[in-house]
Amino acid sequence: MPYIPPEVVSKAKQMDLYTYLKTYEPQELVHFGGSTYCTREHDSLKISNGKWYWWSRGIGGVGALDYLTAVKGMDFISAVEA
């Protein structure tokens, strides 16, 4: 199993989904209205105030790591590396 330094894991846990998408997948970020965004791939996934919720699946989370593991299906290490 690859080693990831604790400071890298900590930094990854702090990144919110909006910042992640704006930085790494800007083509996926769609302004929905006000301070709410959704993704081009999943229009029922709403992002607002540092949190996200995928209404059609009934799951949500706080940061980019939650999104990458729950929505994109990545394992934790791959999500941190992303």
C-alpha atoms as a PDB file:
ATOM      1  CA  MET A   1       0.000   0.000   0.000  1.00  0.00           C
ATOM      2  CA  PRO A   2       1.474   3.397  -0.941  1.00  0.00           C
ATOM      3  CA  TYR A   3       2.383   5.811   1.809  1.00  0.00           C
ATOM      4  CA  ILE A   4       0.789   9.252   1.765  1.00  0.00           C
ATOM      5  CA  PRO A   5       2.196  11.775   4.245  1.00  0.00           C
ATOM      6  CA  PRO A   6      -0.309  12.968   6.859  1.00  0.00           C
ATOM      7  CA  GLU A   7       0.039  16.596   5.741  1.00  0.00           C
ATOM      8  CA  VAL A   8      -1.035  15.619   2.200  1.00  0.00           C
ATOM      9  CA  VAL A   9      -4.073  13.745   3.550  1.00  0.00           C
ATOM     10  CA  SER A  10      -4.937  16.716   5.766  1.00  0.00           C
ATOM     11  CA  LYS A  11      -4.731  19.135   2.840  1.00  0.00           C
ATOM     12  CA  ALA A  12      -6.896  16.845   0.685  1.00  0.00           C
ATOM     13  CA  LYS A  13      -9.532  16.636   3.438  1.00  0.00           C
ATOM     14  CA  GLN A  14      -9.729  20.432   3.579  1.00  0.00           C
ATOM     15  CA  MET A  15     -10.533  20.900  -0.127  1.00  0.00           C
ATOM     16  CA  ASP A  16     -14.199  21.567  -0.825  1.00  0.00           C
ATOM     17  CA  LEU A  17     -15.862  20.199  -3.954  1.00  0.00           C
ATOM     18  CA  TYR A  18     -16.376  23.592  -5.619  1.00  0.00           C
ATOM     19  CA  THR A  19     -12.649  24.379  -5.388  1.00  0.00           C
ATOM     20  CA  TYR A  20     -11.706  20.911  -6.631  1.00  0.00           C
ATOM     21  CA  LEU A  21     -14.006  21.121  -9.656  1.00  0.00           C
ATOM     22  CA  LYS A  22     -13.030  24.696 -10.486  1.00  0.00           C
ATOM     23  CA  THR A  23      -9.344  23.739 -10.350  1.00  0.00           C
ATOM     24  CA  TYR A  24      -9.235  20.231 -11.840  1.00  0.00           C
ATOM     25  CA  GLU A  25     -12.506  19.720 -13.770  1.00  0.00           C
ATOM     26  CA  PRO A  26     -13.803  23.205 -14.705  1.00  0.00           C
ATOM     27  CA  GLN A  27     -15.802  21.792 -17.624  1.00  0.00           C
ATOM     28  CA  GLU A  28     -17.948  19.868 -15.087  1.00  0.00           C
ATOM     29  CA  LEU A  29     -18.961  22.902 -13.003  1.00  0.00           C
ATOM     30  CA  VAL A  30     -22.310  24.471 -13.945  1.00  0.00           C
ATOM     31  CA  HIS A  31     -23.814  27.503 -12.180  1.00  0.00           C
ATOM     32  CA  PHE A  32     -27.342  26.590 -11.079  1.00  0.00           C
ATOM     33  CA  GLY A  33     -28.384  29.819  -9.389  1.00  0.00           C
ATOM     34  CA  GLY A  34     -27.332  32.024  -6.496  1.00  0.00           C
ATOM     35  CA  SER A  35     -24.472  30.270  -4.753  1.00  0.00           C
ATOM     36  CA  THR A  36     -25.509  26.812  -5.960  1.00  0.00           C
ATOM     37  CA  TYR A  37     -23.708  24.765  -8.599  1.00  0.00           C
ATOM     38  CA  CYS A  38     -24.215  21.346 -10.129  1.00  0.00           C
ATOM     39  CA  THR A  39     -22.088  19.143 -12.352  1.00  0.00           C
ATOM     40  CA  ARG A  40     -22.552  18.667 -16.070  1.00  0.00           C
ATOM     41  CA  GLU A  41     -22.571  14.880 -15.594  1.00  0.00           C
ATOM     42  CA  HIS A  42     -25.019  14.833 -12.654  1.00  0.00           C
ATOM     43  CA  ASP A  43     -27.518  17.693 -12.716  1.00  0.00           C
ATOM     44  CA  SER A  44     -29.175  16.514  -9.500  1.00  0.00           C
ATOM     45  CA  LEU A  45     -25.866  16.836  -7.608  1.00  0.00           C
ATOM     46  CA  LYS A  46     -25.998  20.276  -5.994  1.00  0.00           C
ATOM     47  CA  ILE A  47     -22.986  22.075  -4.498  1.00  0.00           C
ATOM     48  CA  SER A  48     -23.473  24.958  -2.071  1.00  0.00           C
ATOM     49  CA  ASN A  49     -21.797  26.446   1.001  1.00  0.00           C
ATOM     50  CA  GLY A  50     -18.966  23.911   1.053  1.00  0.00           C
ATOM     51  CA  LYS A  51     -21.309  20.919   0.972  1.00  0.00           C
ATOM     52  CA  TRP A  52     -22.827  18.787  -1.761  1.00  0.00           C
ATOM     53  CA  TYR A  53     -25.842  16.518  -2.088  1.00  0.00           C
ATOM     54  CA  TRP A  54     -26.766  14.142  -4.912  1.00  0.00           C
ATOM     55  CA  TRP A  55     -30.560  14.233  -4.747  1.00  0.00           C
ATOM     56  CA  SER A  56     -31.238  11.331  -7.130  1.00  0.00           C
ATOM     57  CA  ARG A  57     -29.032   9.006  -5.062  1.00  0.00           C
ATOM     58  CA  GLY A  58     -29.708  10.392  -1.586  1.00  0.00           C
ATOM     59  CA  ILE A  59     -26.042  10.839  -0.697  1.00  0.00           C
ATOM     60  CA  GLY A  60     -23.997  13.878   0.212  1.00  0.00           C
ATOM     61  CA  GLY A  61     -20.804  15.059   1.745  1.00  0.00           C
ATOM     62  CA  VAL A  62     -18.634  17.936   2.731  1.00  0.00           C
ATOM     63  CA  GLY A  63     -15.533  17.870   0.595  1.00  0.00           C
ATOM     64  CA  ALA A  64     -13.873  16.727  -2.574  1.00  0.00           C
ATOM     65  CA  LEU A  65     -12.722  13.441  -0.993  1.00  0.00           C
ATOM     66  CA  ASP A  66     -16.314  12.469  -0.192  1.00  0.00           C
ATOM     67  CA  TYR A  67     -17.296  13.248  -3.786  1.00  0.00           C
ATOM     68  CA  LEU A  68     -14.412  11.347  -5.354  1.00  0.00           C
ATOM     69  CA  THR A  69     -15.067   8.235  -3.272  1.00  0.00           C
ATOM     70  CA  ALA A  70     -18.899   8.263  -3.278  1.00  0.00           C
ATOM     71  CA  VAL A  71     -19.659   9.590  -6.766  1.00  0.00           C
ATOM     72  CA  LYS A  72     -16.576   8.796  -8.833  1.00  0.00           C
ATOM     73  CA  GLY A  73     -15.998   5.444  -7.075  1.00  0.00           C
ATOM     74  CA  MET A  74     -12.320   6.071  -6.291  1.00  0.00           C
ATOM     75  CA  ASP A  75     -10.593   4.390  -3.391  1.00  0.00           C
ATOM     76  CA  PHE A  76      -9.297   6.739  -0.674  1.00  0.00           C
ATOM     77  CA  ILE A  77      -5.662   6.734  -1.803  1.00  0.00           C
ATOM     78  CA  SER A  78      -6.560   7.478  -5.436  1.00  0.00           C
ATOM     79  CA  ALA A  79      -8.858  10.282  -4.280  1.00  0.00           C
ATOM     80  CA  VAL A  80      -6.101  11.862  -2.172  1.00  0.00           C
ATOM     81  CA  GLU A  81      -3.679  11.622  -5.081  1.00  0.00           C
ATOM     82  CA  ALA A  82      -6.234  13.283  -7.395  1.00  0.00           C
END
